Structures are given as C-alpha cells and as structure tokens.
Protein backbone atom coordinates (compact mmCIF):
# COMPACT_ATOMS: atom_id res chain seq x y z
CA MET A 1 -0.85 174.69 76.37
CA THR A 2 -3.20 171.78 75.70
CA THR A 3 -4.97 170.64 72.61
CA HIS A 4 -8.48 169.26 72.64
CA THR A 5 -9.57 167.17 69.68
CA GLU A 6 -13.21 166.24 69.35
CA ILE A 7 -14.53 163.74 66.84
CA VAL A 8 -18.13 164.25 65.84
CA ARG A 9 -19.78 161.41 63.95
CA THR A 10 -22.40 162.60 61.44
CA ASP A 11 -24.89 160.64 59.39
CA ASP A 12 -23.41 160.17 55.92
CA LEU A 13 -26.84 160.58 54.31
CA THR A 14 -28.35 163.50 56.19
CA GLY A 15 -25.52 165.25 58.02
CA GLU A 16 -27.32 164.98 61.35
CA PRO A 17 -25.54 163.52 64.40
CA ALA A 18 -24.88 159.81 63.88
CA ALA A 19 -25.21 157.21 66.58
CA GLN A 20 -23.22 154.38 65.06
CA PRO A 21 -21.04 153.13 62.26
CA VAL A 22 -22.69 150.35 60.24
CA VAL A 23 -20.47 147.86 58.42
CA PHE A 24 -22.01 145.76 55.66
CA GLY A 25 -20.91 143.75 52.66
CA TRP A 26 -22.11 143.83 49.09
CA GLY A 27 -20.44 141.85 46.35
CA PRO A 28 -16.70 141.68 46.90
CA HIS A 29 -16.62 144.84 49.04
CA VAL A 30 -17.21 145.71 52.68
CA TYR A 31 -18.52 149.19 53.44
CA GLU A 32 -18.86 151.36 56.51
CA ILE A 33 -21.41 154.16 56.80
CA ASP A 34 -22.19 156.37 59.79
CA LEU A 35 -25.91 156.47 60.47
CA ALA A 36 -28.31 158.10 62.88
CA ASP A 37 -30.66 155.70 64.65
CA ALA A 38 -33.54 156.35 62.22
CA ASN A 39 -31.42 155.59 59.15
CA ALA A 40 -29.86 152.51 60.78
CA THR A 41 -33.37 151.24 61.47
CA ALA A 42 -34.43 152.01 57.89
CA LEU A 43 -31.42 150.14 56.47
CA SER A 44 -32.11 147.18 58.73
CA ALA A 45 -35.77 147.10 57.71
CA ALA A 46 -34.90 147.34 54.00
CA LEU A 47 -32.43 144.45 54.21
CA ALA A 48 -34.56 142.26 56.50
CA PRO A 49 -36.41 140.31 53.76
CA PHE A 50 -33.16 139.53 51.97
CA ILE A 51 -31.39 138.50 55.17
CA GLU A 52 -34.30 136.26 56.16
CA ALA A 53 -34.32 134.56 52.74
CA GLY A 54 -30.54 134.27 52.55
CA ARG A 55 -28.13 131.97 54.28
CA VAL A 56 -25.08 132.77 56.38
CA ILE A 57 -21.90 131.62 54.66
CA GLY A 58 -19.43 133.36 56.91
CA GLY A 59 -19.19 136.17 59.28
CA ILE A 60 -17.35 137.95 61.96
CA ARG A 61 -18.42 136.34 65.18
CA THR A 62 -16.10 137.94 67.66
CA ARG A 63 -15.73 141.49 68.86
CA ALA A 64 -12.04 141.32 67.89
CA GLY A 65 -12.91 140.10 64.40
CA ARG A 66 -15.39 142.95 63.90
CA ALA A 67 -12.79 145.44 65.12
CA LEU A 68 -10.14 144.14 62.72
CA ALA A 69 -12.51 144.04 59.75
CA GLY A 70 -13.83 147.50 60.47
CA ALA A 71 -10.34 148.93 60.93
CA GLU A 72 -9.19 147.42 57.66
CA VAL A 73 -12.12 148.88 55.74
CA THR A 74 -11.76 152.36 57.18
CA GLY A 75 -7.97 152.53 57.01
CA ARG A 76 -7.52 152.76 60.76
CA PRO A 77 -4.09 151.58 61.89
CA ILE A 78 -3.92 148.12 63.42
CA GLU A 79 -1.00 146.35 65.06
CA ALA A 80 0.50 143.31 63.35
CA HIS A 81 0.68 141.47 66.69
CA GLY A 82 -0.74 141.80 70.13
CA ARG A 83 -3.97 143.09 71.55
CA ILE A 84 -6.51 145.25 69.79
CA ARG A 85 -6.67 148.68 71.33
CA GLU A 86 -9.78 149.14 73.44
CA ALA A 87 -10.72 152.37 71.66
CA LEU A 88 -10.81 150.56 68.30
CA SER A 89 -12.61 147.56 69.75
CA ASP A 90 -15.31 149.81 71.25
CA VAL A 91 -16.11 151.31 67.83
CA TYR A 92 -16.93 147.91 66.30
CA GLN A 93 -18.70 146.11 69.09
C-alpha cells in the first residue's frame, strides 16, 4: 500500500489557488502569506511608494538566507548544521 500526500497552496485572502508564498516584514515581525498572482501584484503595487521612498537597512541577499528566514517564520524544521534541503530552498527562492 502507498500513501500519496498532496499539498495545495491557497491564497490566504481569497481561498483561490495560490502561486507563491510572500515573506515580508513589518515592525519587529516577519510574516508569510500565500498569494495568488493577482494579490501578489496588488501587494507589490501597494507597497511600491513606500519601498521607493525608504532605504534598505538589511536584507536577505542569498537564496539560503531566504530559505532559513522563511523556514524560521513558518516553523518548518531546519538542520542545525549542513546543507539546506533543496525542497525548502525551492520554496523561498
């Protein structure tokens, strides 16, 4: 007997199929929300004036850094040492 597990990502606002997780910071917190393309575009457009007027004071520049930050926020298990699993790295590219 085999088991088949399927993970379906849905937009956290509308419930429709989501294309991507979006990680963003506000105040002392970092958030992740799953969004369909239209909502990801709307969020990007809404934040654009603030991003353009702001200044970068830090950030996650590497794919590995994004994977670790995203895993920490969402409670996904990460190894204390060694390589980041490809499946986790692919989520936060």
